[in-house]
Amino acid sequence: PAGAQCASDGSCALSAANNMSCPGGGTSPVGTWTMSSSGRYSIGGCPAGHRTVAAPHHLQECASCPDSQYTVDPSSFECQECPPGLSCSGGEVVGAAMEGSEWATVGLVMVLISCPAGHGVFNGSE
């Protein structure tokens, strides 16, 4: 799979010879990989800040979201646009742009819950 290919030499980090790492100190594959009874590896999970690319099989990988997007669920296949008021860096939500604002995860998105004194929530339709 694409997510297990070593940039240094193009080999597969999942092969027994490479023992889940890339030769020459290259970057190891991101995520958790599992082998089926048929000997085929599949992506099992991604770390925080990454989304799962699961199909087609040869393109499986854990991919960071583009800048200004984020994901709260690594098993999600989609990235969300960073809402105004949050700071996102392509995968993880870095934090609130305004000190004192409170955000919560609702489903797969971040939602503004409250603002600091003297500020209000603007939903874009008022």
N, C-alpha and C. Protein backbone atom coordinates (compact mmCIF):
# COMPACT_ATOMS: atom_id res chain seq x y z
N PRO A 1 0.82 -1.21 0.00
CA PRO A 1 0.00 0.00 0.00
C PRO A 1 0.87 1.27 0.00
N ALA A 2 0.33 2.35 -0.56
CA ALA A 2 1.08 3.60 -0.67
C ALA A 2 1.59 4.11 0.67
N GLY A 3 0.80 3.95 1.73
CA GLY A 3 1.18 4.45 3.05
C GLY A 3 2.30 3.69 3.71
N ALA A 4 2.71 2.58 3.12
CA ALA A 4 3.80 1.78 3.70
C ALA A 4 5.05 1.80 2.83
N GLN A 5 5.02 2.59 1.77
CA GLN A 5 6.17 2.64 0.86
C GLN A 5 7.23 3.58 1.41
N CYS A 6 8.46 3.10 1.43
CA CYS A 6 9.59 3.90 1.93
C CYS A 6 10.05 4.87 0.85
N ALA A 7 10.18 6.14 1.22
CA ALA A 7 10.63 7.15 0.27
C ALA A 7 12.10 6.94 -0.11
N SER A 8 12.87 6.38 0.82
CA SER A 8 14.31 6.23 0.59
C SER A 8 14.64 5.29 -0.56
N ASP A 9 13.90 4.18 -0.66
CA ASP A 9 14.25 3.22 -1.71
C ASP A 9 13.04 2.58 -2.39
N GLY A 10 11.83 2.98 -2.02
CA GLY A 10 10.62 2.45 -2.65
C GLY A 10 10.19 1.09 -2.12
N SER A 11 10.92 0.55 -1.15
CA SER A 11 10.54 -0.75 -0.60
C SER A 11 9.32 -0.61 0.31
N CYS A 12 8.72 -1.73 0.65
CA CYS A 12 7.56 -1.73 1.55
C CYS A 12 8.03 -1.94 2.98
N ALA A 13 7.71 -1.00 3.85
CA ALA A 13 8.13 -1.09 5.24
C ALA A 13 7.45 -2.24 5.98
N LEU A 14 6.37 -2.77 5.42
CA LEU A 14 5.64 -3.84 6.08
C LEU A 14 6.23 -5.22 5.80
N SER A 15 7.20 -5.30 4.91
CA SER A 15 7.79 -6.60 4.59
C SER A 15 8.57 -7.13 5.80
N ALA A 16 8.67 -8.44 5.87
CA ALA A 16 9.37 -9.07 6.99
C ALA A 16 10.82 -8.59 7.06
N ALA A 17 11.44 -8.37 5.91
CA ALA A 17 12.84 -7.93 5.89
C ALA A 17 13.01 -6.54 6.50
N ASN A 18 12.00 -5.69 6.35
CA ASN A 18 12.10 -4.32 6.86
C ASN A 18 11.57 -4.18 8.28
N ASN A 19 10.81 -5.17 8.77
CA ASN A 19 10.34 -5.19 10.15
C ASN A 19 9.62 -3.90 10.55
N MET A 20 8.67 -3.45 9.73
CA MET A 20 7.83 -2.27 9.99
C MET A 20 8.61 -0.96 10.05
N SER A 21 9.76 -0.90 9.38
CA SER A 21 10.50 0.36 9.32
C SER A 21 11.18 0.45 7.96
N CYS A 22 11.64 1.64 7.65
CA CYS A 22 12.30 1.85 6.37
C CYS A 22 13.81 1.75 6.53
N PRO A 23 14.47 1.14 5.55
CA PRO A 23 15.93 1.01 5.63
C PRO A 23 16.61 2.38 5.62
N GLY A 24 17.77 2.43 6.22
CA GLY A 24 18.54 3.67 6.23
C GLY A 24 17.95 4.75 7.11
N GLY A 25 17.08 4.38 8.06
CA GLY A 25 16.53 5.38 8.97
C GLY A 25 15.43 6.22 8.38
N GLY A 26 14.83 5.78 7.28
CA GLY A 26 13.73 6.52 6.67
C GLY A 26 12.50 6.52 7.57
N THR A 27 11.50 7.28 7.18
CA THR A 27 10.27 7.39 7.96
C THR A 27 9.50 6.08 7.93
N SER A 28 9.08 5.62 9.09
CA SER A 28 8.27 4.40 9.19
C SER A 28 6.85 4.70 8.77
N PRO A 29 6.08 3.67 8.40
CA PRO A 29 4.70 3.91 7.99
C PRO A 29 3.88 4.50 9.14
N VAL A 30 2.98 5.40 8.80
CA VAL A 30 2.11 6.04 9.78
C VAL A 30 0.88 5.17 9.97
N GLY A 31 0.48 4.97 11.20
CA GLY A 31 -0.74 4.23 11.48
C GLY A 31 -0.48 2.82 11.95
N THR A 32 -1.59 2.12 12.19
CA THR A 32 -1.55 0.73 12.62
C THR A 32 -1.93 -0.14 11.43
N TRP A 33 -1.08 -1.11 11.15
CA TRP A 33 -1.31 -2.00 10.02
C TRP A 33 -1.53 -3.41 10.53
N THR A 34 -2.48 -4.12 9.94
CA THR A 34 -2.74 -5.50 10.34
C THR A 34 -2.67 -6.41 9.12
N MET A 35 -2.24 -7.64 9.36
CA MET A 35 -2.13 -8.60 8.27
C MET A 35 -3.29 -9.59 8.36
N SER A 36 -3.95 -9.81 7.23
CA SER A 36 -5.05 -10.78 7.17
C SER A 36 -4.48 -12.19 7.09
N SER A 37 -5.34 -13.18 7.19
CA SER A 37 -4.88 -14.57 7.11
C SER A 37 -4.32 -14.90 5.73
N SER A 38 -4.67 -14.09 4.73
CA SER A 38 -4.13 -14.31 3.39
C SER A 38 -2.76 -13.63 3.20
N GLY A 39 -2.29 -12.91 4.24
CA GLY A 39 -0.98 -12.26 4.17
C GLY A 39 -1.02 -10.86 3.59
N ARG A 40 -2.20 -10.29 3.46
CA ARG A 40 -2.35 -8.95 2.90
C ARG A 40 -2.50 -7.94 4.03
N TYR A 41 -1.68 -6.88 4.00
CA TYR A 41 -1.77 -5.83 5.03
C TYR A 41 -2.88 -4.84 4.68
N SER A 42 -3.52 -4.34 5.73
CA SER A 42 -4.53 -3.29 5.58
C SER A 42 -4.34 -2.28 6.70
N ILE A 43 -4.74 -1.04 6.43
CA ILE A 43 -4.65 0.00 7.45
C ILE A 43 -5.69 -0.30 8.53
N GLY A 44 -5.26 -0.30 9.78
CA GLY A 44 -6.16 -0.59 10.88
C GLY A 44 -6.58 0.65 11.63
N GLY A 45 -5.79 1.68 11.59
CA GLY A 45 -6.11 2.91 12.29
C GLY A 45 -5.03 3.95 12.09
N CYS A 46 -5.42 5.20 12.25
CA CYS A 46 -4.50 6.32 12.05
C CYS A 46 -4.36 7.11 13.36
N PRO A 47 -3.23 7.79 13.54
CA PRO A 47 -3.07 8.62 14.74
C PRO A 47 -3.85 9.92 14.63
N ALA A 48 -3.96 10.62 15.73
CA ALA A 48 -4.64 11.92 15.75
C ALA A 48 -4.03 12.84 14.70
N GLY A 49 -4.89 13.63 14.06
CA GLY A 49 -4.42 14.57 13.05
C GLY A 49 -4.31 13.97 11.67
N HIS A 50 -4.71 12.72 11.50
CA HIS A 50 -4.67 12.06 10.20
C HIS A 50 -6.05 11.50 9.88
N ARG A 51 -6.33 11.38 8.59
CA ARG A 51 -7.56 10.73 8.14
C ARG A 51 -7.19 9.43 7.46
N THR A 52 -8.13 8.53 7.36
CA THR A 52 -7.89 7.22 6.76
C THR A 52 -8.22 7.24 5.27
N VAL A 53 -7.27 6.83 4.46
CA VAL A 53 -7.51 6.58 3.03
C VAL A 53 -7.49 5.06 2.91
N ALA A 54 -8.67 4.45 2.74
CA ALA A 54 -8.77 3.00 2.82
C ALA A 54 -8.95 2.29 1.49
N ALA A 55 -9.36 2.99 0.46
CA ALA A 55 -9.61 2.31 -0.81
C ALA A 55 -9.16 3.18 -1.97
N PRO A 56 -8.71 2.62 -3.04
CA PRO A 56 -8.46 1.20 -3.24
C PRO A 56 -7.28 0.72 -2.38
N HIS A 57 -7.18 -0.59 -2.23
CA HIS A 57 -6.21 -1.18 -1.31
C HIS A 57 -4.79 -0.68 -1.54
N HIS A 58 -4.36 -0.57 -2.78
CA HIS A 58 -2.97 -0.18 -3.06
C HIS A 58 -2.67 1.28 -2.69
N LEU A 59 -3.70 2.07 -2.39
CA LEU A 59 -3.49 3.47 -2.01
C LEU A 59 -3.74 3.73 -0.53
N GLN A 60 -3.92 2.69 0.27
CA GLN A 60 -4.19 2.87 1.70
C GLN A 60 -3.07 3.64 2.38
N GLU A 61 -3.47 4.59 3.23
CA GLU A 61 -2.50 5.35 4.02
C GLU A 61 -3.22 6.18 5.06
N CYS A 62 -2.46 6.72 6.00
CA CYS A 62 -2.93 7.74 6.93
C CYS A 62 -2.42 9.06 6.37
N ALA A 63 -3.33 9.95 6.03
CA ALA A 63 -2.95 11.21 5.40
C ALA A 63 -3.33 12.39 6.27
N SER A 64 -2.43 13.36 6.37
CA SER A 64 -2.76 14.60 7.08
C SER A 64 -3.74 15.39 6.23
N CYS A 65 -4.60 16.13 6.90
CA CYS A 65 -5.50 17.02 6.17
C CYS A 65 -4.70 18.21 5.66
N PRO A 66 -5.18 18.84 4.58
CA PRO A 66 -4.51 20.05 4.08
C PRO A 66 -4.56 21.17 5.12
N ASP A 67 -3.67 22.15 4.98
CA ASP A 67 -3.71 23.32 5.87
C ASP A 67 -5.11 23.91 5.86
N SER A 68 -5.54 24.44 6.96
CA SER A 68 -6.85 25.05 7.19
C SER A 68 -7.97 24.02 7.27
N GLN A 69 -7.62 22.74 7.40
CA GLN A 69 -8.62 21.70 7.64
C GLN A 69 -8.19 20.88 8.84
N TYR A 70 -9.10 20.05 9.35
CA TYR A 70 -8.79 19.23 10.52
C TYR A 70 -9.65 17.97 10.50
N THR A 71 -9.34 17.04 11.36
CA THR A 71 -10.18 15.88 11.61
C THR A 71 -10.13 15.56 13.10
N VAL A 72 -11.30 15.28 13.68
CA VAL A 72 -11.34 14.92 15.10
C VAL A 72 -11.40 13.40 15.27
N ASP A 73 -11.67 12.68 14.20
CA ASP A 73 -11.79 11.22 14.23
C ASP A 73 -10.84 10.63 13.20
N PRO A 74 -9.73 10.04 13.63
CA PRO A 74 -8.76 9.50 12.68
C PRO A 74 -9.32 8.41 11.76
N SER A 75 -10.42 7.76 12.15
CA SER A 75 -11.01 6.75 11.26
C SER A 75 -11.90 7.38 10.21
N SER A 76 -12.07 8.70 10.30
CA SER A 76 -12.88 9.42 9.31
C SER A 76 -12.15 9.48 7.98
N PHE A 77 -12.92 9.46 6.91
CA PHE A 77 -12.35 9.54 5.57
C PHE A 77 -12.34 10.97 5.05
N GLU A 78 -12.89 11.90 5.82
CA GLU A 78 -13.03 13.29 5.36
C GLU A 78 -12.39 14.26 6.33
N CYS A 79 -11.89 15.35 5.79
CA CYS A 79 -11.38 16.46 6.60
C CYS A 79 -12.45 17.54 6.63
N GLN A 80 -12.47 18.32 7.69
CA GLN A 80 -13.42 19.41 7.84
C GLN A 80 -12.69 20.74 7.68
N GLU A 81 -13.39 21.74 7.14
CA GLU A 81 -12.83 23.08 7.05
C GLU A 81 -12.70 23.65 8.46
N CYS A 82 -11.60 24.32 8.74
CA CYS A 82 -11.40 24.94 10.04
C CYS A 82 -12.35 26.13 10.16
N PRO A 83 -13.22 26.14 11.18
CA PRO A 83 -14.16 27.25 11.31
C PRO A 83 -13.46 28.52 11.80
N PRO A 84 -14.05 29.68 11.47
CA PRO A 84 -13.49 30.92 12.00
C PRO A 84 -13.44 30.84 13.52
N GLY A 85 -12.35 31.28 14.09
CA GLY A 85 -12.20 31.26 15.54
C GLY A 85 -11.34 30.12 16.05
N LEU A 86 -11.02 29.15 15.17
CA LEU A 86 -10.10 28.08 15.53
C LEU A 86 -8.85 28.19 14.68
N SER A 87 -7.78 27.66 15.19
CA SER A 87 -6.52 27.62 14.45
C SER A 87 -6.23 26.16 14.12
N CYS A 88 -6.16 25.82 12.84
CA CYS A 88 -5.92 24.45 12.39
C CYS A 88 -4.67 24.42 11.52
N SER A 89 -3.95 23.31 11.60
CA SER A 89 -2.71 23.25 10.82
C SER A 89 -2.63 21.98 9.97
N GLY A 90 -3.74 21.60 9.37
CA GLY A 90 -3.70 20.45 8.49
C GLY A 90 -3.71 19.14 9.23
N GLY A 91 -4.71 18.89 9.98
CA GLY A 91 -4.82 17.62 10.67
C GLY A 91 -5.36 17.79 12.06
N GLU A 92 -4.65 18.53 12.88
CA GLU A 92 -5.09 18.70 14.26
C GLU A 92 -5.59 20.12 14.48
N VAL A 93 -6.56 20.24 15.37
CA VAL A 93 -7.01 21.57 15.79
C VAL A 93 -5.99 22.06 16.79
N VAL A 94 -5.36 23.19 16.51
CA VAL A 94 -4.31 23.71 17.37
C VAL A 94 -4.90 24.43 18.57
N GLY A 95 -5.94 25.20 18.37
CA GLY A 95 -6.56 25.88 19.50
C GLY A 95 -7.46 27.01 19.08
N ALA A 96 -8.06 27.62 20.08
CA ALA A 96 -8.96 28.74 19.84
C ALA A 96 -8.16 29.99 19.49
N ALA A 97 -8.64 30.73 18.51
CA ALA A 97 -7.98 31.97 18.12
C ALA A 97 -8.22 33.07 19.15
N MET A 98 -9.33 32.98 19.87
CA MET A 98 -9.64 33.97 20.90
C MET A 98 -9.60 33.30 22.27
N GLU A 99 -8.74 33.81 23.13
CA GLU A 99 -8.63 33.28 24.48
C GLU A 99 -9.96 33.40 25.20
N GLY A 100 -10.35 32.35 25.89
CA GLY A 100 -11.59 32.37 26.65
C GLY A 100 -12.78 31.78 25.91
N SER A 101 -12.65 31.53 24.62
CA SER A 101 -13.76 30.89 23.91
C SER A 101 -13.71 29.39 24.19
N GLU A 102 -14.88 28.76 24.19
CA GLU A 102 -14.96 27.33 24.47
C GLU A 102 -15.54 26.60 23.27
N TRP A 103 -14.87 25.51 22.90
CA TRP A 103 -15.25 24.69 21.75
C TRP A 103 -15.49 23.27 22.21
N ALA A 104 -16.36 22.55 21.50
CA ALA A 104 -16.62 21.14 21.80
C ALA A 104 -16.71 20.36 20.50
N THR A 105 -16.42 19.09 20.60
CA THR A 105 -16.57 18.20 19.45
C THR A 105 -18.00 17.68 19.44
N VAL A 106 -18.68 17.90 18.34
CA VAL A 106 -20.04 17.40 18.14
C VAL A 106 -20.03 16.57 16.87
N GLY A 107 -20.12 15.28 17.02
CA GLY A 107 -19.99 14.40 15.86
C GLY A 107 -18.57 14.48 15.32
N LEU A 108 -18.43 14.90 14.08
CA LEU A 108 -17.12 15.00 13.44
C LEU A 108 -16.63 16.43 13.30
N VAL A 109 -17.31 17.40 13.95
CA VAL A 109 -16.93 18.80 13.80
C VAL A 109 -16.73 19.47 15.16
N MET A 110 -15.99 20.58 15.13
CA MET A 110 -15.80 21.42 16.31
C MET A 110 -16.85 22.53 16.26
N VAL A 111 -17.49 22.76 17.42
CA VAL A 111 -18.57 23.75 17.51
C VAL A 111 -18.25 24.72 18.64
N LEU A 112 -18.46 26.02 18.37
CA LEU A 112 -18.25 27.05 19.38
C LEU A 112 -19.38 26.97 20.39
N ILE A 113 -19.03 26.82 21.66
CA ILE A 113 -20.01 26.69 22.73
C ILE A 113 -20.25 28.02 23.43
N SER A 114 -19.18 28.76 23.72
CA SER A 114 -19.35 30.05 24.39
C SER A 114 -18.19 30.97 24.06
N CYS A 115 -18.45 32.26 24.24
CA CYS A 115 -17.46 33.30 23.97
C CYS A 115 -17.09 34.00 25.28
N PRO A 116 -15.94 34.66 25.30
CA PRO A 116 -15.58 35.42 26.51
C PRO A 116 -16.49 36.64 26.65
N ALA A 117 -16.49 37.21 27.84
CA ALA A 117 -17.33 38.39 28.13
C ALA A 117 -17.09 39.47 27.08
N GLY A 118 -18.19 40.07 26.65
CA GLY A 118 -18.11 41.16 25.68
C GLY A 118 -18.12 40.68 24.23
N HIS A 119 -18.21 39.39 24.01
CA HIS A 119 -18.24 38.82 22.65
C HIS A 119 -19.46 37.92 22.52
N GLY A 120 -19.92 37.71 21.31
CA GLY A 120 -21.06 36.84 21.08
C GLY A 120 -20.81 35.89 19.93
N VAL A 121 -21.67 34.88 19.85
CA VAL A 121 -21.58 33.89 18.79
C VAL A 121 -22.27 34.44 17.55
N PHE A 122 -21.62 34.39 16.44
CA PHE A 122 -22.18 34.80 15.15
C PHE A 122 -22.26 33.57 14.28
N ASN A 123 -23.47 33.22 13.82
CA ASN A 123 -23.62 31.99 13.05
C ASN A 123 -23.60 32.21 11.54
N GLY A 124 -23.37 33.42 11.09
CA GLY A 124 -23.25 33.70 9.66
C GLY A 124 -24.57 34.02 8.97
N SER A 125 -25.68 33.87 9.66
CA SER A 125 -26.97 34.16 9.02
C SER A 125 -27.67 35.38 9.63
N GLU A 126 -27.04 35.96 10.62
CA GLU A 126 -27.65 37.13 11.27
C GLU A 126 -26.97 38.40 10.85
